[in-house]
Amino acid sequence: MAMPQALLGRVPISRRAWRWLARAALLAVLVPLILQWLVAYLVGSDARILPPQLLSAKNLLIVTAHPDDECLFFAPSILGVLDRNRAATGGLLVMSTGNNYGLGETRVAELQNSCKALGIHPKRCVALNRPELQDNPKVWWDTELIAGIVHEHVRQWDIDAIVTFDEGGVSGHVNHRAVSAAVSTYAATHPDAPVAFTLTTTSLLRKYTFLGDMPLTALPFSWRILAALSYPATKAGPEDGRRALVANTWDRYLKTRHAFAQHPSQYTWDRHLYMVVSRFVWFNDLKRVARVEHTQSASDTT
């Protein structure tokens, strides 16, 4: 029986559509993988991708709110900097023990093992247990207190670069956002504060797209990636130092998983999935906190 002419006319169109869909799907898979590979292996040390303020830091400080934040969110930054600069000393300052469910002591012990897995110096792996800074998703912490604590550790450890949350806190947790507000204000206004970078918060959809968010994240770095492929640079221009893009190699991703495995009290079924699909275990994009320049008033000069 012959196929109706109307149906015959639709077959080629359908096949063409499937071919285009297959090509688009292939690009959707290949482009993120290629970008991850480029940033992780080829151009990740270029000053236009990872600014010298981070790459050449002698003492790096990560400031978080709870034990395990360092693995869930900041591992690409920690490992990306410390693996590229073996002379750097990493430090982690956690503002609470994560005692919201009564597991504070357990989580502090787990944190020490996580720091070891990430290459952070054990004497610079600190979780505070201040009454004013207890893990609570409904309490906004005292930002002046946090800023003072951060400054104490900056002086004690001779810190020259800080990495912390941005105003969204990655997950929106109020403790994360309080840490961000405190550190950002400190870095912007204190005359002795080192340079600070904040981890970019994304929408929920972008957060859980595995490497699918890499093209959108890398878009502001596109010309820098192309330039780094053409001619390497050890010095960054004035605009280059404002952002950083750090991607995990396969080895660093495995280290990230190993570090989080040191937090067994937090390793629930959904966290297993998180360690695969979350963009934050594969790459970080950071923004530098802008300094607020203080001008001398007329009354001060008379």
Protein backbone atom coordinates (compact mmCIF):
# COMPACT_ATOMS: atom_id res chain seq x y z
CA MET A 1 0.00 0.00 0.00
CA ALA A 2 1.46 3.39 -1.00
CA MET A 3 2.13 6.04 1.72
CA PRO A 4 -0.08 9.13 1.31
CA GLN A 5 1.69 12.05 -0.38
CA ALA A 6 1.08 14.29 2.65
CA LEU A 7 2.98 11.90 4.92
CA LEU A 8 5.78 11.48 2.40
CA GLY A 9 6.31 15.23 2.46
CA ARG A 10 6.72 15.22 6.24
CA VAL A 11 9.36 12.49 6.47
CA PRO A 12 12.36 14.51 5.20
CA ILE A 13 11.44 17.44 7.47
CA SER A 14 11.24 15.14 10.46
CA ARG A 15 14.60 13.58 9.67
CA ARG A 16 16.22 16.99 9.27
CA ALA A 17 14.76 18.07 12.60
CA TRP A 18 16.16 15.01 14.33
CA ARG A 19 19.57 15.60 12.77
CA TRP A 20 19.60 19.18 14.04
CA LEU A 21 18.47 18.04 17.48
CA ALA A 22 21.24 15.43 17.56
CA ARG A 23 23.83 18.05 16.60
CA ALA A 24 22.53 20.48 19.22
CA ALA A 25 22.62 17.74 21.86
CA LEU A 26 26.19 16.86 20.89
CA LEU A 27 27.24 20.50 21.18
CA ALA A 28 25.46 20.81 24.53
CA VAL A 29 27.61 17.95 25.81
CA LEU A 30 30.91 18.78 24.12
CA VAL A 31 31.11 22.54 24.68
CA PRO A 32 30.93 22.37 28.52
CA LEU A 33 33.42 19.48 28.57
CA ILE A 34 35.85 21.34 26.32
CA LEU A 35 35.58 24.54 28.36
CA GLN A 36 36.12 22.64 31.62
CA TRP A 37 39.17 20.94 30.12
CA LEU A 38 40.59 24.22 28.81
CA VAL A 39 40.24 26.06 32.11
CA ALA A 40 41.29 23.14 34.28
CA TYR A 41 44.30 21.98 32.26
CA LEU A 42 45.44 24.57 29.70
CA VAL A 43 44.73 28.18 30.63
CA GLY A 44 43.84 27.98 34.33
CA SER A 45 47.16 29.50 35.44
CA ASP A 46 46.95 32.45 33.06
CA ALA A 47 46.77 35.79 34.87
CA ARG A 48 43.67 36.74 32.87
CA ILE A 49 41.81 33.69 34.22
CA LEU A 50 43.26 33.37 37.74
CA PRO A 51 44.48 36.79 38.93
CA PRO A 52 47.96 37.08 40.50
CA GLN A 53 46.36 38.22 43.77
CA LEU A 54 45.18 34.62 44.14
CA LEU A 55 47.78 32.70 42.17
CA SER A 56 50.70 34.37 43.96
CA ALA A 57 49.12 34.54 47.41
CA LYS A 58 51.47 33.34 50.11
CA ASN A 59 48.72 32.87 52.68
CA LEU A 60 45.20 32.15 51.45
CA LEU A 61 42.20 32.33 53.79
CA ILE A 62 38.80 30.77 53.12
CA VAL A 63 36.06 32.15 55.38
CA THR A 64 32.89 30.06 55.71
CA ALA A 65 29.96 29.59 58.07
CA HIS A 66 29.81 25.84 58.76
CA PRO A 67 32.02 22.76 58.54
CA ASP A 68 31.63 21.16 55.07
CA ASP A 69 31.10 24.52 53.30
CA GLU A 70 34.71 24.25 52.16
CA CYS A 71 33.91 21.05 50.22
CA LEU A 72 30.42 21.84 49.00
CA PHE A 73 31.27 25.23 47.55
CA PHE A 74 34.93 26.28 47.64
CA ALA A 75 36.96 23.19 46.76
CA PRO A 76 37.80 24.27 43.16
CA SER A 77 39.17 27.58 44.49
CA ILE A 78 41.12 26.00 47.32
CA LEU A 79 42.64 23.23 45.23
CA GLY A 80 43.09 25.43 42.17
CA VAL A 81 45.21 27.93 44.08
CA LEU A 82 47.12 25.56 46.35
CA ASP A 83 47.92 23.02 43.62
CA ARG A 84 49.25 25.74 41.31
CA ASN A 85 51.29 27.45 44.02
CA ARG A 86 52.91 24.91 46.31
CA ALA A 87 54.55 27.75 48.27
CA ALA A 88 51.14 29.01 49.38
CA THR A 89 49.72 28.15 52.79
CA GLY A 90 45.99 27.60 52.96
CA GLY A 91 43.83 28.53 55.92
CA LEU A 92 40.16 27.90 56.71
CA LEU A 93 38.21 29.99 59.22
CA VAL A 94 34.74 28.59 59.97
CA MET A 95 32.50 30.83 62.04
CA SER A 96 30.60 28.02 63.78
CA THR A 97 30.87 24.34 64.64
CA GLY A 98 27.64 23.56 62.78
CA ASN A 99 25.93 22.55 66.00
CA ASN A 100 22.36 23.14 64.84
CA TYR A 101 21.56 19.44 65.36
CA GLY A 102 23.88 18.87 68.30
CA LEU A 103 26.77 17.47 66.23
CA GLY A 104 29.21 20.32 66.74
CA GLU A 105 32.07 18.31 68.25
CA THR A 106 31.72 15.61 65.61
CA ARG A 107 31.73 18.15 62.80
CA VAL A 108 34.84 19.90 64.11
CA ALA A 109 36.73 16.59 64.13
CA GLU A 110 35.50 15.87 60.59
CA LEU A 111 36.62 19.31 59.49
CA GLN A 112 40.22 18.58 60.43
CA ASN A 113 40.26 15.54 58.17
CA SER A 114 38.66 17.51 55.36
CA CYS A 115 41.32 20.22 55.66
CA LYS A 116 44.02 17.57 55.41
CA ALA A 117 42.44 16.19 52.24
CA LEU A 118 42.31 19.69 50.71
CA GLY A 119 45.89 20.55 51.61
CA ILE A 120 44.97 23.14 54.24
CA HIS A 121 47.44 23.50 57.09
CA PRO A 122 46.02 21.76 60.20
CA LYS A 123 46.98 24.66 62.48
CA ARG A 124 45.03 26.95 60.17
CA CYS A 125 41.87 24.87 60.13
CA VAL A 126 39.70 26.57 62.73
CA ALA A 127 36.01 26.26 63.63
CA LEU A 128 34.84 28.79 66.21
CA ASN A 129 32.36 28.09 68.97
CA ARG A 130 31.24 31.56 69.98
CA PRO A 131 27.84 31.94 71.70
CA GLU A 132 26.98 34.76 69.30
CA LEU A 133 27.83 32.68 66.22
CA GLN A 134 25.87 29.46 66.57
CA ASP A 135 24.59 27.59 63.51
CA ASN A 136 21.01 28.76 63.01
CA PRO A 137 19.28 29.32 59.64
CA LYS A 138 17.02 31.93 61.24
CA VAL A 139 19.65 34.12 62.89
CA TRP A 140 21.65 36.92 61.23
CA TRP A 141 25.07 36.96 62.84
CA ASP A 142 26.83 40.05 64.20
CA THR A 143 28.82 41.25 61.19
CA GLU A 144 31.06 43.57 63.22
CA LEU A 145 32.07 40.65 65.41
CA ILE A 146 32.86 38.52 62.36
CA ALA A 147 34.89 41.31 60.76
CA GLY A 148 36.93 41.68 63.94
CA ILE A 149 37.60 37.94 64.10
CA VAL A 150 38.64 37.87 60.44
CA HIS A 151 41.01 40.79 60.98
CA GLU A 152 42.60 39.01 63.96
CA HIS A 153 43.34 35.98 61.81
CA VAL A 154 44.53 38.10 58.89
CA ARG A 155 47.16 39.62 61.17
CA GLN A 156 48.00 36.36 62.94
CA TRP A 157 48.43 34.35 59.75
CA ASP A 158 49.75 37.17 57.53
CA ILE A 159 46.91 36.65 55.05
CA ASP A 160 47.20 38.31 51.65
CA ALA A 161 44.04 36.92 49.94
CA ILE A 162 40.57 35.95 51.17
CA VAL A 163 37.81 33.92 49.50
CA THR A 164 34.29 33.83 50.93
CA PHE A 165 30.58 33.87 50.01
CA ASP A 166 28.91 36.61 48.00
CA GLU A 167 25.74 38.36 49.15
CA GLY A 168 23.59 35.41 48.06
CA GLY A 169 25.53 32.95 50.18
CA VAL A 170 25.38 30.33 47.37
CA SER A 171 22.49 28.52 49.08
CA GLY A 172 20.79 31.57 50.55
CA HIS A 173 21.56 30.46 54.12
CA VAL A 174 21.33 33.48 56.40
CA ASN A 175 24.59 32.57 58.17
CA HIS A 176 26.38 32.44 54.81
CA ARG A 177 25.03 35.86 53.89
CA ALA A 178 26.07 37.33 57.23
CA VAL A 179 29.62 36.08 56.67
CA SER A 180 29.59 37.63 53.22
CA ALA A 181 28.36 40.99 54.51
CA ALA A 182 30.99 41.06 57.24
CA VAL A 183 33.98 40.03 55.11
CA SER A 184 32.97 42.17 52.13
CA THR A 185 32.59 45.29 54.28
CA TYR A 186 35.89 44.55 56.00
CA ALA A 187 37.72 44.00 52.71
CA ALA A 188 36.19 47.12 51.17
CA THR A 189 36.79 49.54 54.03
CA HIS A 190 39.55 48.40 56.39
CA PRO A 191 42.89 49.98 55.42
CA ASP A 192 44.86 46.84 56.31
CA ALA A 193 42.52 44.30 54.73
CA PRO A 194 43.93 42.03 52.02
CA VAL A 195 42.26 41.52 48.66
CA ALA A 196 39.06 39.47 48.88
CA PHE A 197 37.07 37.50 46.33
CA THR A 198 33.50 36.25 46.65
CA LEU A 199 31.97 33.11 45.18
CA THR A 200 29.17 33.86 42.72
CA THR A 201 25.67 32.69 43.64
CA THR A 202 23.52 31.36 40.80
CA SER A 203 19.91 30.35 40.32
CA LEU A 204 18.83 26.91 41.51
CA LEU A 205 18.61 25.65 37.93
CA ARG A 206 22.15 26.75 37.08
CA LYS A 207 23.46 25.37 40.37
CA TYR A 208 22.45 21.79 39.56
CA THR A 209 23.36 21.44 35.89
CA PHE A 210 26.65 19.54 36.29
CA LEU A 211 28.93 21.21 33.71
CA GLY A 212 25.99 22.59 31.77
CA ASP A 213 26.43 26.01 33.34
CA MET A 214 30.08 26.28 32.28
CA PRO A 215 29.40 28.04 28.92
CA LEU A 216 27.30 30.74 30.59
CA THR A 217 29.81 31.13 33.42
CA ALA A 218 32.75 31.27 31.00
CA LEU A 219 31.08 33.81 28.71
CA PRO A 220 32.59 36.87 30.46
CA PHE A 221 35.99 35.16 30.22
CA SER A 222 35.68 34.16 26.57
CA TRP A 223 38.13 36.66 25.12
CA ARG A 224 40.53 35.99 27.99
CA ILE A 225 40.43 32.25 27.30
CA LEU A 226 41.10 32.88 23.60
CA ALA A 227 43.93 35.27 24.45
CA ALA A 228 45.42 32.79 26.91
CA LEU A 229 45.39 30.12 24.22
CA SER A 230 47.15 32.51 21.82
CA TYR A 231 49.76 34.03 24.12
CA PRO A 232 50.24 33.28 27.84
CA ALA A 233 50.34 36.16 30.31
CA THR A 234 51.84 36.36 33.78
CA LYS A 235 50.51 39.87 34.46
CA ALA A 236 46.87 40.86 34.47
CA GLY A 237 45.42 44.11 33.22
CA PRO A 238 43.34 46.37 35.48
CA GLU A 239 40.10 44.74 34.34
CA ASP A 240 41.41 41.16 34.48
CA GLY A 241 42.00 41.11 38.23
CA ARG A 242 38.36 41.72 39.03
CA ARG A 243 37.18 38.19 38.24
CA ALA A 244 38.55 34.67 38.47
CA LEU A 245 37.51 31.34 36.99
CA VAL A 246 38.84 28.16 38.59
CA ALA A 247 37.98 24.65 37.37
CA ASN A 248 38.71 21.27 38.89
CA THR A 249 40.80 18.76 37.00
CA TRP A 250 39.65 15.17 37.32
CA ASP A 251 42.25 14.63 40.04
CA ARG A 252 41.11 17.70 41.98
CA TYR A 253 37.49 16.61 41.62
CA LEU A 254 38.39 13.27 43.22
CA LYS A 255 40.15 15.18 46.01
CA THR A 256 36.95 17.19 46.48
CA ARG A 257 34.94 14.01 46.87
CA HIS A 258 37.54 12.56 49.23
CA ALA A 259 37.46 15.72 51.34
CA PHE A 260 33.68 15.63 51.64
CA ALA A 261 33.83 11.95 52.52
CA GLN A 262 35.56 13.12 55.72
CA HIS A 263 32.18 14.58 56.77
CA PRO A 264 30.24 11.31 57.25
CA SER A 265 27.70 12.97 59.53
CA GLN A 266 26.64 15.13 56.55
CA TYR A 267 26.91 12.52 53.79
CA THR A 268 23.20 11.89 53.17
CA TRP A 269 21.80 10.43 49.93
CA ASP A 270 21.15 13.84 48.41
CA ARG A 271 24.73 14.90 49.08
CA HIS A 272 25.92 11.94 46.99
CA LEU A 273 23.93 13.39 44.12
CA TYR A 274 25.13 16.91 44.91
CA MET A 275 28.77 15.85 44.55
CA VAL A 276 28.05 14.95 40.93
CA VAL A 277 25.56 17.51 39.63
CA SER A 278 26.51 20.70 41.47
CA ARG A 279 28.54 23.20 39.45
CA PHE A 280 30.30 24.25 42.68
CA VAL A 281 32.24 21.00 42.93
CA TRP A 282 33.46 21.40 39.34
CA PHE A 283 34.25 25.09 38.99
CA ASN A 284 34.07 28.42 40.80
CA ASP A 285 33.77 31.92 39.43
CA LEU A 286 34.86 34.65 41.79
CA LYS A 287 34.49 38.42 41.94
CA ARG A 288 36.90 40.74 43.70
CA VAL A 289 35.50 42.98 46.43
CA ALA A 290 35.97 46.61 45.36
CA ARG A 291 37.86 48.84 47.73
CA VAL A 292 36.16 51.98 49.01
CA GLU A 293 38.65 54.79 48.75
CA HIS A 294 38.43 57.22 51.65
CA THR A 295 38.96 60.85 50.77
CA GLN A 296 40.18 63.31 53.32
CA SER A 297 37.54 65.85 54.23
CA ALA A 298 38.15 69.59 54.12
CA SER A 299 37.97 69.85 57.92
CA ASP A 300 40.79 67.30 58.21
CA THR A 301 43.11 69.39 56.04
CA THR A 302 42.63 72.69 57.90
